[in-house]
C-alpha atoms as a PDB file:
ATOM      1  CA  MET A   1       4.187  21.326  35.851  1.00  0.00           C
ATOM      2  CA  GLN A   2       4.795  24.592  37.684  1.00  0.00           C
ATOM      3  CA  GLY A   3       5.218  24.176  41.407  1.00  0.00           C
ATOM      4  CA  ILE A   4       6.538  20.604  41.216  1.00  0.00           C
ATOM      5  CA  ASP A   5       9.918  20.193  42.879  1.00  0.00           C
ATOM      6  CA  PHE A   6      11.659  17.762  40.523  1.00  0.00           C
ATOM      7  CA  ALA A   7      14.918  17.926  42.470  1.00  0.00           C
ATOM      8  CA  GLY A   8      13.102  17.058  45.672  1.00  0.00           C
ATOM      9  CA  PHE A   9      11.335  14.162  43.995  1.00  0.00           C
ATOM     10  CA  PHE A  10      14.558  12.584  42.743  1.00  0.00           C
ATOM     11  CA  ARG A  11      16.201  13.159  46.109  1.00  0.00           C
ATOM     12  CA  ILE A  12      13.411  11.364  47.948  1.00  0.00           C
ATOM     13  CA  LEU A  13      12.969   8.526  45.446  1.00  0.00           C
ATOM     14  CA  PRO A  14      16.027   6.398  46.392  1.00  0.00           C
ATOM     15  CA  ILE A  15      15.188   6.727  50.080  1.00  0.00           C
ATOM     16  CA  ILE A  16      11.631   5.530  49.644  1.00  0.00           C
ATOM     17  CA  ALA A  17      12.005   2.999  46.815  1.00  0.00           C
ATOM     18  CA  ILE A  18      14.097   0.463  48.739  1.00  0.00           C
ATOM     19  CA  PRO A  19      11.860  -0.045  51.810  1.00  0.00           C
ATOM     20  CA  LEU A  20       8.658   0.144  49.763  1.00  0.00           C
ATOM     21  CA  LEU A  21       9.875  -2.548  47.368  1.00  0.00           C
ATOM     22  CA  PHE A  22      10.913  -4.798  50.241  1.00  0.00           C
ATOM     23  CA  ALA A  23       7.646  -4.190  52.102  1.00  0.00           C
ATOM     24  CA  ILE A  24       5.320  -5.205  49.296  1.00  0.00           C
ATOM     25  CA  THR A  25       7.538  -8.024  47.967  1.00  0.00           C
ATOM     26  CA  LEU A  26       8.137  -9.810  51.265  1.00  0.00           C
ATOM     27  CA  HIS A  27       4.476  -9.374  52.170  1.00  0.00           C
ATOM     28  CA  GLU A  28       3.476 -11.533  49.212  1.00  0.00           C
ATOM     29  CA  VAL A  29       6.331 -14.009  49.617  1.00  0.00           C
ATOM     30  CA  ALA A  30       5.282 -14.569  53.237  1.00  0.00           C
ATOM     31  CA  HIS A  31       1.831 -15.665  52.053  1.00  0.00           C
ATOM     32  CA  GLY A  32       3.448 -18.170  49.697  1.00  0.00           C
ATOM     33  CA  TRP A  33       5.919 -19.493  52.267  1.00  0.00           C
ATOM     34  CA  VAL A  34       3.187 -20.196  54.821  1.00  0.00           C
ATOM     35  CA  ALA A  35       0.892 -21.697  52.175  1.00  0.00           C
ATOM     36  CA  ARG A  36       3.647 -24.098  51.121  1.00  0.00           C
ATOM     37  CA  TYR A  37       4.278 -25.055  54.745  1.00  0.00           C
ATOM     38  CA  PHE A  38       0.616 -25.998  55.133  1.00  0.00           C
ATOM     39  CA  GLY A  39       0.446 -28.017  51.939  1.00  0.00           C
ATOM     40  CA  ASP A  40      -0.161 -25.697  48.978  1.00  0.00           C
ATOM     41  CA  PRO A  41       2.825 -25.604  46.561  1.00  0.00           C
ATOM     42  CA  THR A  42       1.090 -23.341  44.000  1.00  0.00           C
ATOM     43  CA  ALA A  43       3.205 -20.237  44.637  1.00  0.00           C
ATOM     44  CA  ASP A  44       6.383 -22.319  44.734  1.00  0.00           C
ATOM     45  CA  ARG A  45       5.600 -23.957  41.387  1.00  0.00           C
ATOM     46  CA  ALA A  46       4.859 -20.534  39.905  1.00  0.00           C
ATOM     47  CA  GLY A  47       8.338 -19.341  40.898  1.00  0.00           C
ATOM     48  CA  ARG A  48       6.966 -16.776  43.333  1.00  0.00           C
ATOM     49  CA  LEU A  49       8.835 -17.886  46.475  1.00  0.00           C
ATOM     50  CA  THR A  50      11.792 -15.693  45.636  1.00  0.00           C
ATOM     51  CA  LEU A  51      13.075 -12.393  46.955  1.00  0.00           C
ATOM     52  CA  ASN A  52      13.739 -11.247  43.405  1.00  0.00           C
ATOM     53  CA  PRO A  53      11.375  -8.241  43.204  1.00  0.00           C
ATOM     54  CA  ILE A  54      11.048  -8.574  39.423  1.00  0.00           C
ATOM     55  CA  LYS A  55       8.978 -11.717  39.944  1.00  0.00           C
ATOM     56  CA  HIS A  56       6.470  -9.789  42.048  1.00  0.00           C
ATOM     57  CA  ILE A  57       6.207  -6.453  40.260  1.00  0.00           C
ATOM     58  CA  ASP A  58       2.750  -5.303  39.273  1.00  0.00           C
ATOM     59  CA  PRO A  59       3.093  -2.538  36.651  1.00  0.00           C
ATOM     60  CA  VAL A  60       0.303  -0.527  38.242  1.00  0.00           C
ATOM     61  CA  GLY A  61       0.586  -1.294  41.946  1.00  0.00           C
ATOM     62  CA  THR A  62       4.375  -1.552  42.238  1.00  0.00           C
ATOM     63  CA  VAL A  63       5.438   1.109  39.751  1.00  0.00           C
ATOM     64  CA  ALA A  64       2.779   3.541  38.510  1.00  0.00           C
ATOM     65  CA  VAL A  65       0.742   4.193  41.673  1.00  0.00           C
ATOM     66  CA  PRO A  66       3.690   4.587  44.107  1.00  0.00           C
ATOM     67  CA  LEU A  67       5.621   6.853  41.721  1.00  0.00           C
ATOM     68  CA  LEU A  68       2.618   9.045  40.947  1.00  0.00           C
ATOM     69  CA  LEU A  69       1.711   9.415  44.621  1.00  0.00           C
ATOM     70  CA  LEU A  70       5.334  10.056  45.518  1.00  0.00           C
ATOM     71  CA  PHE A  71       5.701  12.639  42.758  1.00  0.00           C
ATOM     72  CA  PHE A  72       2.539  14.618  43.357  1.00  0.00           C
ATOM     73  CA  THR A  73       2.816  14.601  47.157  1.00  0.00           C
ATOM     74  CA  GLN A  74       6.578  15.259  47.167  1.00  0.00           C
ATOM     75  CA  GLY A  75       7.241  12.255  49.353  1.00  0.00           C
ATOM     76  CA  GLN A  76       4.461  12.959  51.837  1.00  0.00           C
ATOM     77  CA  MET A  77       2.461   9.887  50.830  1.00  0.00           C
ATOM     78  CA  THR A  78       2.932   6.793  48.741  1.00  0.00           C
ATOM     79  CA  PHE A  79       1.398   3.355  48.594  1.00  0.00           C
ATOM     80  CA  GLY A  80       1.617   0.249  46.479  1.00  0.00           C
ATOM     81  CA  TRP A  81       1.144  -3.478  46.106  1.00  0.00           C
ATOM     82  CA  ALA A  82       2.771  -6.450  44.399  1.00  0.00           C
ATOM     83  CA  LYS A  83       1.149  -9.181  42.337  1.00  0.00           C
ATOM     84  CA  PRO A  84      -0.696 -11.461  44.767  1.00  0.00           C
ATOM     85  CA  VAL A  85       0.912 -14.872  45.080  1.00  0.00           C
ATOM     86  CA  PRO A  86      -1.418 -17.676  43.949  1.00  0.00           C
ATOM     87  CA  VAL A  87      -2.833 -19.723  46.810  1.00  0.00           C
ATOM     88  CA  VAL A  88      -5.270 -22.622  46.344  1.00  0.00           C
ATOM     89  CA  PHE A  89      -6.898 -22.886  49.742  1.00  0.00           C
ATOM     90  CA  GLN A  90      -8.366 -26.302  48.936  1.00  0.00           C
ATOM     91  CA  ASN A  91      -4.795 -27.660  48.891  1.00  0.00           C
ATOM     92  CA  LEU A  92      -4.200 -26.652  52.491  1.00  0.00           C
ATOM     93  CA  ARG A  93      -4.309 -29.474  55.010  1.00  0.00           C
ATOM     94  CA  ASN A  94      -6.906 -27.683  57.124  1.00  0.00           C
ATOM     95  CA  PRO A  95      -8.323 -25.025  54.750  1.00  0.00           C
ATOM     96  CA  ARG A  96     -10.292 -22.898  57.231  1.00  0.00           C
ATOM     97  CA  ARG A  97      -7.588 -22.811  59.902  1.00  0.00           C
ATOM     98  CA  ASP A  98      -4.660 -22.569  57.514  1.00  0.00           C
ATOM     99  CA  MET A  99      -6.343 -19.828  55.471  1.00  0.00           C
ATOM    100  CA  VAL A 100      -6.225 -17.619  58.574  1.00  0.00           C
ATOM    101  CA  LEU A 101      -2.507 -18.238  59.028  1.00  0.00           C
ATOM    102  CA  VAL A 102      -1.694 -17.743  55.342  1.00  0.00           C
ATOM    103  CA  ALA A 103      -3.604 -14.459  55.248  1.00  0.00           C
ATOM    104  CA  ALA A 104      -2.088 -13.186  58.501  1.00  0.00           C
ATOM    105  CA  ALA A 105       1.443 -13.988  57.303  1.00  0.00           C
ATOM    106  CA  GLY A 106       1.579 -10.922  55.049  1.00  0.00           C
ATOM    107  CA  PRO A 107       0.803  -8.271  57.698  1.00  0.00           C
ATOM    108  CA  ALA A 108       2.935 -10.191  60.218  1.00  0.00           C
ATOM    109  CA  SER A 109       5.901  -9.999  57.833  1.00  0.00           C
ATOM    110  CA  ASN A 110       5.430  -6.235  57.605  1.00  0.00           C
ATOM    111  CA  LEU A 111       5.608  -5.890  61.390  1.00  0.00           C
ATOM    112  CA  VAL A 112       8.761  -8.031  61.418  1.00  0.00           C
ATOM    113  CA  MET A 113      10.289  -5.790  58.752  1.00  0.00           C
ATOM    114  CA  ALA A 114       9.308  -2.676  60.699  1.00  0.00           C
ATOM    115  CA  THR A 115      11.140  -4.148  63.682  1.00  0.00           C
ATOM    116  CA  GLY A 116      14.196  -4.744  61.512  1.00  0.00           C
ATOM    117  CA  TRP A 117      14.209  -1.172  60.215  1.00  0.00           C
ATOM    118  CA  ALA A 118      13.807   0.167  63.761  1.00  0.00           C
ATOM    119  CA  LEU A 119      16.746  -1.900  65.007  1.00  0.00           C
ATOM    120  CA  LEU A 120      18.871  -0.766  62.065  1.00  0.00           C
ATOM    121  CA  ALA A 121      18.020   2.856  62.853  1.00  0.00           C
ATOM    122  CA  ALA A 122      19.003   2.331  66.483  1.00  0.00           C
ATOM    123  CA  ALA A 123      22.315   0.779  65.428  1.00  0.00           C
ATOM    124  CA  THR A 124      23.173   3.363  62.760  1.00  0.00           C
ATOM    125  CA  GLY A 125      25.154   5.699  64.966  1.00  0.00           C
ATOM    126  CA  THR A 126      25.984   3.593  68.021  1.00  0.00           C
ATOM    127  CA  VAL A 127      26.974   0.237  66.483  1.00  0.00           C
ATOM    128  CA  LEU A 128      27.655   0.975  62.830  1.00  0.00           C
ATOM    129  CA  GLY A 129      29.174   4.374  63.483  1.00  0.00           C
ATOM    130  CA  LEU A 130      27.446   5.996  60.507  1.00  0.00           C
ATOM    131  CA  ASP A 131      27.318   9.759  60.815  1.00  0.00           C
ATOM    132  CA  GLY A 132      26.906  12.720  58.493  1.00  0.00           C
ATOM    133  CA  ALA A 133      25.200  12.339  55.127  1.00  0.00           C
ATOM    134  CA  VAL A 134      25.482   8.538  55.076  1.00  0.00           C
ATOM    135  CA  GLY A 135      23.971   8.194  58.526  1.00  0.00           C
ATOM    136  CA  ASP A 136      21.154  10.581  57.643  1.00  0.00           C
ATOM    137  CA  TRP A 137      20.426   8.613  54.463  1.00  0.00           C
ATOM    138  CA  VAL A 138      20.293   5.290  56.322  1.00  0.00           C
ATOM    139  CA  ARG A 139      18.039   6.742  59.010  1.00  0.00           C
ATOM    140  CA  GLY A 140      15.774   8.184  56.297  1.00  0.00           C
ATOM    141  CA  VAL A 141      15.461   4.756  54.709  1.00  0.00           C
ATOM    142  CA  CYS A 142      14.674   3.271  58.127  1.00  0.00           C
ATOM    143  CA  VAL A 143      11.971   5.866  58.786  1.00  0.00           C
ATOM    144  CA  ALA A 144      10.375   5.087  55.414  1.00  0.00           C
ATOM    145  CA  GLY A 145      10.660   1.347  56.118  1.00  0.00           C
ATOM    146  CA  ILE A 146       8.870   1.673  59.439  1.00  0.00           C
ATOM    147  CA  LEU A 147       6.088   3.848  58.031  1.00  0.00           C
ATOM    148  CA  PHE A 148       5.435   1.756  54.917  1.00  0.00           C
ATOM    149  CA  ASN A 149       5.390  -1.536  56.780  1.00  0.00           C
ATOM    150  CA  VAL A 150       3.137  -0.274  59.546  1.00  0.00           C
ATOM    151  CA  ILE A 151       0.660   1.214  57.078  1.00  0.00           C
ATOM    152  CA  LEU A 152       0.653  -1.954  54.942  1.00  0.00           C
ATOM    153  CA  ALA A 153       0.150  -4.181  57.978  1.00  0.00           C
ATOM    154  CA  VAL A 154      -2.702  -2.125  59.431  1.00  0.00           C
ATOM    155  CA  PHE A 155      -4.383  -1.507  56.073  1.00  0.00           C
ATOM    156  CA  ASN A 156      -4.278  -5.156  55.066  1.00  0.00           C
ATOM    157  CA  MET A 157      -5.777  -6.278  58.370  1.00  0.00           C
ATOM    158  CA  LEU A 158      -9.003  -4.380  57.730  1.00  0.00           C
ATOM    159  CA  PRO A 159     -11.752  -7.045  57.986  1.00  0.00           C
ATOM    160  CA  LEU A 160     -12.839  -6.555  54.403  1.00  0.00           C
ATOM    161  CA  PRO A 161     -12.304  -9.040  51.569  1.00  0.00           C
ATOM    162  CA  PRO A 162     -10.170  -9.299  49.513  1.00  0.00           C
ATOM    163  CA  LEU A 163      -7.789  -7.776  52.075  1.00  0.00           C
ATOM    164  CA  ASP A 164      -5.912 -10.128  54.398  1.00  0.00           C
ATOM    165  CA  GLY A 165      -8.088  -9.128  57.322  1.00  0.00           C
ATOM    166  CA  GLY A 166     -11.137 -10.230  55.370  1.00  0.00           C
ATOM    167  CA  ARG A 167      -9.543 -13.635  54.796  1.00  0.00           C
ATOM    168  CA  VAL A 168      -8.710 -13.929  58.484  1.00  0.00           C
ATOM    169  CA  LEU A 169     -12.253 -12.990  59.503  1.00  0.00           C
ATOM    170  CA  ALA A 170     -13.738 -15.459  56.999  1.00  0.00           C
ATOM    171  CA  GLY A 171     -11.668 -18.234  58.520  1.00  0.00           C
ATOM    172  CA  LEU A 172     -12.760 -17.360  62.046  1.00  0.00           C
ATOM    173  CA  LEU A 173     -16.482 -16.961  61.352  1.00  0.00           C
ATOM    174  CA  PRO A 174     -18.919 -19.885  61.235  1.00  0.00           C
ATOM    175  CA  PRO A 175     -19.410 -21.207  57.667  1.00  0.00           C
ATOM    176  CA  GLN A 176     -22.622 -19.223  57.108  1.00  0.00           C
ATOM    177  CA  GLY A 177     -20.977 -15.995  58.236  1.00  0.00           C
ATOM    178  CA  ALA A 178     -17.988 -16.696  56.012  1.00  0.00           C
ATOM    179  CA  MET A 179     -20.312 -17.206  53.025  1.00  0.00           C
ATOM    180  CA  LEU A 180     -21.936 -13.825  53.648  1.00  0.00           C
ATOM    181  CA  LEU A 181     -18.522 -12.183  53.839  1.00  0.00           C
ATOM    182  CA  ASP A 182     -17.472 -13.870  50.587  1.00  0.00           C
ATOM    183  CA  ARG A 183     -20.403 -12.201  48.826  1.00  0.00           C
ATOM    184  CA  ILE A 184     -18.858  -8.815  49.615  1.00  0.00           C
ATOM    185  CA  GLU A 185     -15.537  -9.682  47.965  1.00  0.00           C
ATOM    186  CA  PRO A 186     -16.484  -8.643  44.382  1.00  0.00           C
ATOM    187  CA  PHE A 187     -17.222  -5.179  45.759  1.00  0.00           C
ATOM    188  CA  GLY A 188     -14.331  -5.066  48.221  1.00  0.00           C
ATOM    189  CA  PHE A 189     -11.955  -3.062  46.053  1.00  0.00           C
ATOM    190  CA  MET A 190     -14.628  -0.479  45.275  1.00  0.00           C
ATOM    191  CA  ILE A 191     -15.423  -0.153  48.978  1.00  0.00           C
ATOM    192  CA  VAL A 192     -11.730   0.403  49.758  1.00  0.00           C
ATOM    193  CA  VAL A 193     -11.445   3.076  47.045  1.00  0.00           C
ATOM    194  CA  LEU A 194     -14.585   4.797  48.382  1.00  0.00           C
ATOM    195  CA  LEU A 195     -13.154   4.782  51.897  1.00  0.00           C
ATOM    196  CA  MET A 196      -9.913   6.267  50.600  1.00  0.00           C
ATOM    197  CA  VAL A 197     -11.599   8.989  48.549  1.00  0.00           C
ATOM    198  CA  THR A 198     -13.824  10.040  51.448  1.00  0.00           C
ATOM    199  CA  ARG A 199     -10.828   9.845  53.829  1.00  0.00           C
ATOM    200  CA  VAL A 200     -12.788   7.569  56.138  1.00  0.00           C
ATOM    201  CA  LEU A 201     -10.070   4.959  55.665  1.00  0.00           C
ATOM    202  CA  TRP A 202      -7.421   7.089  57.366  1.00  0.00           C
ATOM    203  CA  VAL A 203      -9.796   7.927  60.229  1.00  0.00           C
ATOM    204  CA  VAL A 204     -10.236   4.187  60.834  1.00  0.00           C
ATOM    205  CA  ILE A 205      -6.593   3.104  60.594  1.00  0.00           C
ATOM    206  CA  GLU A 206      -4.880   6.199  62.045  1.00  0.00           C
ATOM    207  CA  PRO A 207      -5.054   5.173  65.743  1.00  0.00           C
ATOM    208  CA  PHE A 208      -3.521   1.779  64.970  1.00  0.00           C
ATOM    209  CA  VAL A 209      -0.877   3.269  62.677  1.00  0.00           C
ATOM    210  CA  LEU A 210       0.133   5.811  65.311  1.00  0.00           C
ATOM    211  CA  PHE A 211       0.270   3.136  68.016  1.00  0.00           C
ATOM    212  CA  PHE A 212       2.676   0.957  66.028  1.00  0.00           C
ATOM    213  CA  VAL A 213       4.726   3.900  64.738  1.00  0.00           C
ATOM    214  CA  ASP A 214       5.241   5.145  68.307  1.00  0.00           C
ATOM    215  CA  PHE A 215       6.267   1.631  69.348  1.00  0.00           C
ATOM    216  CA  PHE A 216       8.851   1.281  66.580  1.00  0.00           C
ATOM    217  CA  TRP A 217       9.989   4.901  67.057  1.00  0.00           C
ATOM    218  CA  ALA A 218      10.883   3.977  70.632  1.00  0.00           C
ATOM    219  CA  ILE A 219      12.904   0.960  69.449  1.00  0.00           C
ATOM    220  CA  ALA A 220      14.688   3.132  66.894  1.00  0.00           C
ATOM    221  CA  GLY A 221      15.510   5.705  69.553  1.00  0.00           C
ATOM    222  CA  PHE A 222      13.800   8.549  67.736  1.00  0.00           C
ATOM    223  CA  GLY A 223      11.883   9.468  70.884  1.00  0.00           C
END
């Protein structure tokens, strides 16, 4: 493994692990919370409306993929996902309308978390009085929290099933249009992988990611 900076990897890991775990866990819990509010108790009955990350860990998406990306890019890029919370849309009081709100809840939670990390970064030195190594560590966690949550929010709002944006679009389209979109879903994951491999995905989401990052940077006072 010549050329791999093991020390750098283990130095970056605790900074990145905390915000990434929160980002993907709360994203899924938000879906379940909103689904329960609109009449579907499936996630609640499955014990998934908890902030305990163990309940949401996907061995591949929450552990293997983020660690491998983090290791081989030396902290320059990582990504992950939790186990999707179960939602039975037929249980919702108004399935088409409520499906839009349930799907949008995940990305919305990521933007709320990004706001929280930005505010914490702004308060680190002025309000909390954290300087030196501790202050730098907290600000590093906040930076990672903003980046992960923005990327997750923007990525998941792509109008492609089974991503949240695909669910939102299906709920907004007329029934015939929604049926056509549903036919794409079995191939959705392969399309996403193809977009990632060809780097088209980043070209599409980059302007939105940069817009939100600049916005939260301003809140954080990074300038």
